[in-house]
C-alpha atoms as a PDB file:
ATOM      1  CA  MET A   1      90.680 107.632  94.325  1.00  0.00           C
ATOM      2  CA  ASN A   2      88.446 104.835  93.055  1.00  0.00           C
ATOM      3  CA  LEU A   3      86.544 102.338  95.165  1.00  0.00           C
ATOM      4  CA  PHE A   4      85.141  99.184  93.611  1.00  0.00           C
ATOM      5  CA  TYR A   5      83.073  96.195  94.691  1.00  0.00           C
ATOM      6  CA  MET A   6      81.901  93.268  92.553  1.00  0.00           C
ATOM      7  CA  TRP A   7      79.758  90.369  93.766  1.00  0.00           C
ATOM      8  CA  PHE A   8      79.649  87.076  91.853  1.00  0.00           C
ATOM      9  CA  ASN A   9      77.350  84.080  91.954  1.00  0.00           C
ATOM     10  CA  ASN A  10      78.881  80.858  90.603  1.00  0.00           C
ATOM     11  CA  GLU A  11      82.203  82.483  89.703  1.00  0.00           C
ATOM     12  CA  VAL A  12      84.317  80.159  87.545  1.00  0.00           C
ATOM     13  CA  ILE A  13      87.587  79.314  89.291  1.00  0.00           C
ATOM     14  CA  PHE A  14      90.510  76.990  88.513  1.00  0.00           C
ATOM     15  CA  PHE A  15      91.379  74.236  90.955  1.00  0.00           C
ATOM     16  CA  GLY A  16      93.910  71.908  89.308  1.00  0.00           C
ATOM     17  CA  VAL A  17      94.606  69.871  86.196  1.00  0.00           C
ATOM     18  CA  ASN A  18      93.427  66.526  84.837  1.00  0.00           C
ATOM     19  CA  ASP A  19      95.603  63.604  83.694  1.00  0.00           C
ATOM     20  CA  ASP A  20      96.133  65.310  80.325  1.00  0.00           C
ATOM     21  CA  GLY A  21      97.387  68.508  81.938  1.00  0.00           C
ATOM     22  CA  ASN A  22      94.266  70.540  81.106  1.00  0.00           C
ATOM     23  CA  ARG A  23      93.048  73.099  83.631  1.00  0.00           C
ATOM     24  CA  LEU A  24      90.001  72.059  85.647  1.00  0.00           C
ATOM     25  CA  THR A  25      87.287  74.534  86.578  1.00  0.00           C
ATOM     26  CA  ASP A  26      84.692  74.724  89.313  1.00  0.00           C
ATOM     27  CA  ASN A  27      82.032  77.198  90.444  1.00  0.00           C
ATOM     28  CA  ALA A  28      82.271  79.073  93.727  1.00  0.00           C
ATOM     29  CA  GLU A  29      78.732  79.610  95.022  1.00  0.00           C
ATOM     30  CA  SER A  30      79.395  83.256  95.904  1.00  0.00           C
ATOM     31  CA  SER A  31      82.481  85.484  95.893  1.00  0.00           C
ATOM     32  CA  TYR A  32      83.472  89.127  95.764  1.00  0.00           C
ATOM     33  CA  HIS A  33      86.229  91.401  94.499  1.00  0.00           C
ATOM     34  CA  SER A  34      86.683  94.782  96.137  1.00  0.00           C
ATOM     35  CA  GLY A  35      89.383  97.339  96.737  1.00  0.00           C
ATOM     36  CA  VAL A  36      90.678 100.851  96.385  1.00  0.00           C
ATOM     37  CA  GLU A  37      92.866 102.449  93.724  1.00  0.00           C
ATOM     38  CA  LEU A  38      94.909 105.628  94.137  1.00  0.00           C
ATOM     39  CA  SER A  39      96.483 107.487  91.236  1.00  0.00           C
ATOM     40  CA  ALA A  40      98.519 110.658  90.794  1.00  0.00           C
ATOM     41  CA  ALA A  41     100.144 112.570  87.958  1.00  0.00           C
ATOM     42  CA  ILE A  42     102.753 115.326  88.110  1.00  0.00           C
ATOM     43  CA  GLN A  43     103.792 117.428  85.107  1.00  0.00           C
ATOM     44  CA  SER A  44     107.006 118.837  86.512  1.00  0.00           C
ATOM     45  CA  SER A  45     107.932 120.598  83.261  1.00  0.00           C
ATOM     46  CA  ASP A  46     106.937 120.698  79.618  1.00  0.00           C
ATOM     47  CA  ALA A  47     109.199 117.710  79.003  1.00  0.00           C
ATOM     48  CA  LEU A  48     108.918 115.590  82.184  1.00  0.00           C
ATOM     49  CA  ARG A  49     105.838 113.839  83.571  1.00  0.00           C
ATOM     50  CA  PHE A  50     105.324 111.358  86.433  1.00  0.00           C
ATOM     51  CA  ASP A  51     102.348 108.991  86.668  1.00  0.00           C
ATOM     52  CA  ALA A  52     101.710 106.537  89.480  1.00  0.00           C
ATOM     53  CA  ASN A  53      98.910 104.291  90.643  1.00  0.00           C
ATOM     54  CA  PHE A  54      98.460 101.822  93.470  1.00  0.00           C
ATOM     55  CA  SER A  55      95.636  99.422  94.238  1.00  0.00           C
ATOM     56  CA  TYR A  56      94.746  97.237  97.183  1.00  0.00           C
ATOM     57  CA  ASN A  57      92.498  94.369  96.158  1.00  0.00           C
ATOM     58  CA  PHE A  58      90.375  92.147  98.398  1.00  0.00           C
ATOM     59  CA  ASN A  59      89.359  88.955  96.556  1.00  0.00           C
ATOM     60  CA  ARG A  60      87.510  86.403  98.659  1.00  0.00           C
ATOM     61  CA  TYR A  61      85.227  83.437  98.494  1.00  0.00           C
ATOM     62  CA  ASN A  62      82.063  84.249 100.378  1.00  0.00           C
ATOM     63  CA  ARG A  63      80.813  80.668 100.164  1.00  0.00           C
ATOM     64  CA  TYR A  64      82.705  77.875  98.437  1.00  0.00           C
ATOM     65  CA  ILE A  65      82.260  74.257  99.477  1.00  0.00           C
ATOM     66  CA  THR A  66      83.560  71.668  97.035  1.00  0.00           C
ATOM     67  CA  ASN A  67      84.570  68.012  96.865  1.00  0.00           C
ATOM     68  CA  VAL A  68      88.291  67.353  97.297  1.00  0.00           C
ATOM     69  CA  VAL A  69      89.775  64.062  96.108  1.00  0.00           C
ATOM     70  CA  VAL A  70      91.213  61.527  98.570  1.00  0.00           C
ATOM     71  CA  PHE A  71      94.280  59.596  97.363  1.00  0.00           C
ATOM     72  CA  ASP A  72      95.782  56.388  98.746  1.00  0.00           C
ATOM     73  CA  PRO A  73      99.594  56.004  99.104  1.00  0.00           C
ATOM     74  CA  SER A  74      99.773  54.853  95.454  1.00  0.00           C
ATOM     75  CA  PHE A  75      97.935  58.014  94.351  1.00  0.00           C
ATOM     76  CA  ASN A  76      94.807  56.138  93.392  1.00  0.00           C
ATOM     77  CA  THR A  77      91.537  57.983  93.963  1.00  0.00           C
ATOM     78  CA  VAL A  78      89.647  56.353  96.827  1.00  0.00           C
ATOM     79  CA  GLY A  79      86.946  58.952  97.519  1.00  0.00           C
ATOM     80  CA  VAL A  80      86.085  62.608  97.968  1.00  0.00           C
ATOM     81  CA  ILE A  81      85.490  64.864 100.977  1.00  0.00           C
ATOM     82  CA  ALA A  82      83.487  68.085 101.006  1.00  0.00           C
ATOM     83  CA  SER A  83      85.849  70.921 101.974  1.00  0.00           C
ATOM     84  CA  ASP A  84      84.908  74.453 102.956  1.00  0.00           C
ATOM     85  CA  PHE A  85      87.089  77.233 101.498  1.00  0.00           C
ATOM     86  CA  SER A  86      84.669  80.035 102.397  1.00  0.00           C
ATOM     87  CA  ASP A  87      86.356  83.336 103.382  1.00  0.00           C
ATOM     88  CA  ASN A  88      89.671  82.299 101.791  1.00  0.00           C
ATOM     89  CA  THR A  89      91.506  84.397  99.211  1.00  0.00           C
ATOM     90  CA  ILE A  90      90.745  83.475  95.600  1.00  0.00           C
ATOM     91  CA  PRO A  91      93.907  82.130  93.913  1.00  0.00           C
ATOM     92  CA  GLY A  92      95.566  84.113  91.150  1.00  0.00           C
ATOM     93  CA  PHE A  93      94.624  87.588  92.385  1.00  0.00           C
ATOM     94  CA  PRO A  94      97.422  89.645  93.995  1.00  0.00           C
ATOM     95  CA  GLU A  95      96.265  91.991  96.751  1.00  0.00           C
ATOM     96  CA  LEU A  96      98.765  94.736  95.875  1.00  0.00           C
ATOM     97  CA  ILE A  97      99.489  96.212  92.426  1.00  0.00           C
ATOM     98  CA  GLY A  98     101.515  99.351  91.757  1.00  0.00           C
ATOM     99  CA  ASN A  99     102.819 101.181  88.689  1.00  0.00           C
ATOM    100  CA  LEU A 100     105.177 104.116  88.170  1.00  0.00           C
ATOM    101  CA  ILE A 101     105.828 105.798  84.813  1.00  0.00           C
ATOM    102  CA  VAL A 102     108.403 108.503  84.187  1.00  0.00           C
ATOM    103  CA  ASP A 103     108.039 110.040  80.729  1.00  0.00           C
ATOM    104  CA  TYR A 104     110.480 112.512  79.160  1.00  0.00           C
ATOM    105  CA  ARG A 105     109.839 114.180  75.787  1.00  0.00           C
ATOM    106  CA  ALA A 106     112.067 116.660  73.964  1.00  0.00           C
ATOM    107  CA  ASP A 107     111.754 117.626  70.334  1.00  0.00           C
ATOM    108  CA  ARG A 108     111.817 114.376  68.358  1.00  0.00           C
ATOM    109  CA  PHE A 109     113.032 112.206  71.253  1.00  0.00           C
ATOM    110  CA  ARG A 110     111.068 110.346  73.930  1.00  0.00           C
ATOM    111  CA  LEU A 111     112.291 108.221  76.850  1.00  0.00           C
ATOM    112  CA  THR A 112     109.910 106.297  79.141  1.00  0.00           C
ATOM    113  CA  TYR A 113     110.708 104.328  82.296  1.00  0.00           C
ATOM    114  CA  ARG A 114     108.115 101.931  83.763  1.00  0.00           C
ATOM    115  CA  PHE A 115     108.088 100.087  87.076  1.00  0.00           C
ATOM    116  CA  ARG A 116     105.447  97.500  87.929  1.00  0.00           C
ATOM    117  CA  GLY A 117     105.086  95.896  91.352  1.00  0.00           C
ATOM    118  CA  ILE A 118     102.906  92.864  92.089  1.00  0.00           C
ATOM    119  CA  GLY A 119     102.114  91.550  95.577  1.00  0.00           C
ATOM    120  CA  ARG A 120     101.929  87.976  96.790  1.00  0.00           C
ATOM    121  CA  GLN A 121      99.535  85.561  95.083  1.00  0.00           C
ATOM    122  CA  PHE A 122      98.081  82.290  96.303  1.00  0.00           C
ATOM    123  CA  VAL A 123      97.892  79.427  93.816  1.00  0.00           C
ATOM    124  CA  GLU A 124      95.314  77.186  95.514  1.00  0.00           C
ATOM    125  CA  SER A 125      92.217  77.617  97.630  1.00  0.00           C
ATOM    126  CA  SER A 126      93.551  76.562 101.035  1.00  0.00           C
ATOM    127  CA  ASN A 127      95.951  79.567 100.891  1.00  0.00           C
ATOM    128  CA  ASN A 128      99.096  77.649 101.778  1.00  0.00           C
ATOM    129  CA  ASP A 129     101.783  80.292 102.455  1.00  0.00           C
ATOM    130  CA  SER A 130     104.691  78.056 101.446  1.00  0.00           C
ATOM    131  CA  LEU A 131     103.213  77.585  97.963  1.00  0.00           C
ATOM    132  CA  SER A 132     102.284  81.225  97.354  1.00  0.00           C
ATOM    133  CA  ILE A 133     104.068  83.340  94.751  1.00  0.00           C
ATOM    134  CA  ALA A 134     106.254  86.020  96.313  1.00  0.00           C
ATOM    135  CA  GLY A 135     105.738  89.631  95.329  1.00  0.00           C
ATOM    136  CA  PHE A 136     108.042  91.093  92.698  1.00  0.00           C
ATOM    137  CA  GLY A 137     108.893  94.327  90.909  1.00  0.00           C
ATOM    138  CA  ILE A 138     110.244  94.768  87.385  1.00  0.00           C
ATOM    139  CA  SER A 139     111.489  97.742  85.377  1.00  0.00           C
ATOM    140  CA  SER A 140     111.506  98.518  81.680  1.00  0.00           C
ATOM    141  CA  VAL A 141     112.613 101.439  79.544  1.00  0.00           C
ATOM    142  CA  THR A 142     111.657 102.535  76.029  1.00  0.00           C
ATOM    143  CA  GLY A 143     113.298 105.161  73.869  1.00  0.00           C
ATOM    144  CA  SER A 144     112.041 106.474  70.534  1.00  0.00           C
ATOM    145  CA  VAL A 145     113.051 109.084  67.999  1.00  0.00           C
ATOM    146  CA  ASN A 146     111.229 110.550  64.991  1.00  0.00           C
ATOM    147  CA  LEU A 147     113.508 110.053  62.011  1.00  0.00           C
ATOM    148  CA  ALA A 148     111.534 111.816  59.304  1.00  0.00           C
ATOM    149  CA  GLU A 149     108.159 113.306  58.555  1.00  0.00           C
ATOM    150  CA  SER A 150     106.796 114.179  55.129  1.00  0.00           C
ATOM    151  CA  SER A 151     103.550 114.150  53.167  1.00  0.00           C
ATOM    152  CA  LEU A 152     104.979 111.450  50.890  1.00  0.00           C
ATOM    153  CA  PHE A 153     106.534 108.971  53.329  1.00  0.00           C
ATOM    154  CA  GLY A 154     104.484 109.789  56.412  1.00  0.00           C
ATOM    155  CA  ARG A 155     106.020 109.877  59.886  1.00  0.00           C
ATOM    156  CA  VAL A 156     108.905 107.457  60.417  1.00  0.00           C
ATOM    157  CA  SER A 157     110.079 106.657  63.935  1.00  0.00           C
ATOM    158  CA  LEU A 158     112.532 104.232  65.492  1.00  0.00           C
ATOM    159  CA  SER A 159     112.044 102.807  68.996  1.00  0.00           C
ATOM    160  CA  ALA A 160     113.921 100.394  71.227  1.00  0.00           C
ATOM    161  CA  SER A 161     112.878  98.778  74.502  1.00  0.00           C
ATOM    162  CA  VAL A 162     114.530  96.837  77.293  1.00  0.00           C
ATOM    163  CA  ASN A 163     112.207  94.748  79.434  1.00  0.00           C
ATOM    164  CA  ASN A 164     113.205  93.486  82.889  1.00  0.00           C
ATOM    165  CA  ILE A 165     116.217  95.811  82.931  1.00  0.00           C
ATOM    166  CA  PHE A 166     117.881  94.200  85.952  1.00  0.00           C
ATOM    167  CA  ASP A 167     117.383  90.637  84.645  1.00  0.00           C
ATOM    168  CA  LYS A 168     115.349  89.736  87.703  1.00  0.00           C
ATOM    169  CA  LEU A 169     114.332  86.094  88.129  1.00  0.00           C
ATOM    170  CA  TYR A 170     110.851  85.658  89.538  1.00  0.00           C
ATOM    171  CA  ILE A 171     107.735  83.505  89.348  1.00  0.00           C
ATOM    172  CA  GLN A 172     105.177  85.266  87.203  1.00  0.00           C
ATOM    173  CA  SER A 173     102.072  83.121  87.785  1.00  0.00           C
ATOM    174  CA  GLY A 174     100.974  79.643  88.766  1.00  0.00           C
ATOM    175  CA  TYR A 175      98.143  77.353  89.685  1.00  0.00           C
ATOM    176  CA  GLY A 176      97.517  74.563  92.159  1.00  0.00           C
ATOM    177  CA  GLY A 177      95.046  72.270  93.828  1.00  0.00           C
ATOM    178  CA  ASN A 178      94.148  70.407  96.981  1.00  0.00           C
ATOM    179  CA  SER A 179      93.745  66.803  98.048  1.00  0.00           C
ATOM    180  CA  PHE A 180      93.582  64.507 101.069  1.00  0.00           C
ATOM    181  CA  ASN A 181      95.759  61.539 101.972  1.00  0.00           C
ATOM    182  CA  ASP A 182      93.576  58.704 103.251  1.00  0.00           C
ATOM    183  CA  THR A 183      95.987  58.173 106.175  1.00  0.00           C
ATOM    184  CA  ASN A 184      95.311  61.681 107.500  1.00  0.00           C
ATOM    185  CA  LEU A 185      91.888  62.957 106.553  1.00  0.00           C
ATOM    186  CA  ASN A 186      92.152  65.842 109.020  1.00  0.00           C
ATOM    187  CA  TYR A 187      94.887  67.526 106.971  1.00  0.00           C
ATOM    188  CA  ILE A 188      94.267  69.004 103.537  1.00  0.00           C
ATOM    189  CA  ASP A 189      97.278  68.806 101.259  1.00  0.00           C
ATOM    190  CA  ALA A 190      98.145  71.383  98.600  1.00  0.00           C
ATOM    191  CA  TRP A 191     100.357  71.562  95.542  1.00  0.00           C
ATOM    192  CA  GLY A 192     101.453  74.231  93.101  1.00  0.00           C
ATOM    193  CA  ALA A 193     102.841  74.555  89.580  1.00  0.00           C
ATOM    194  CA  TYR A 194     104.498  77.742  88.348  1.00  0.00           C
ATOM    195  CA  PHE A 195     105.421  79.769  85.272  1.00  0.00           C
ATOM    196  CA  ALA A 196     108.840  81.379  85.505  1.00  0.00           C
ATOM    197  CA  SER A 197     109.452  84.861  84.136  1.00  0.00           C
ATOM    198  CA  SER A 198     111.560  85.696  81.143  1.00  0.00           C
ATOM    199  CA  GLY A 199     114.868  87.423  81.790  1.00  0.00           C
ATOM    200  CA  ARG A 200     116.085  90.659  80.280  1.00  0.00           C
ATOM    201  CA  SER A 201     114.859  91.112  76.716  1.00  0.00           C
ATOM    202  CA  PHE A 202     115.354  93.662  73.952  1.00  0.00           C
ATOM    203  CA  TYR A 203     113.435  94.643  70.868  1.00  0.00           C
ATOM    204  CA  THR A 204     113.385  97.430  68.302  1.00  0.00           C
ATOM    205  CA  GLN A 205     110.840  98.533  65.758  1.00  0.00           C
ATOM    206  CA  ILE A 206     110.402 101.023  62.952  1.00  0.00           C
ATOM    207  CA  THR A 207     106.971 102.625  62.602  1.00  0.00           C
ATOM    208  CA  VAL A 208     105.600 104.402  59.565  1.00  0.00           C
ATOM    209  CA  ALA A 209     102.399 106.349  60.255  1.00  0.00           C
ATOM    210  CA  PHE A 210     100.204 108.208  57.766  1.00  0.00           C
ATOM    211  CA  ASP A 211      97.771 110.821  59.082  1.00  0.00           C
END
């Protein structure tokens, strides 16, 4: 089991994009990243091994007060308001991460299954639930075989992998920002933009290694 705690002053964070679509950055006065990680490994036989790890992560602004833009109904900037996001979750950091690896080796053959699970992520600093990225889990498998081994040609192996075996559709990551509407300055608005995952994919490779 591993415990970790990191304290930051003026951590660089993302809070939106400009008119050209470039990411904007800001500095949170103070923030921290902490959590616990558990890991285990089981060698059930000479050929079969299980590895697993799980982490719970606590990523928070300790103090973050920043100016948020106020837009009129035509989306023209009419001012800014200081907004306090202290104690909120920092966007882009999932609280839960888990991995499972099942590895089988026999003679010249190897087969590896991997599962990766990611918990919910916020995309903006007000932590709007409806804009957050839902947790997801994906599986992949890789098989390889040693084709030949000699002092002249080295070690030749062929491998093939299938990523996202079940062709799962999910949102992989995203970003967002916050603003006010000048007709309701008591309500902070939020928006999000997202990067969709790739579907099932395949690839093969031949490796030649010389000791």
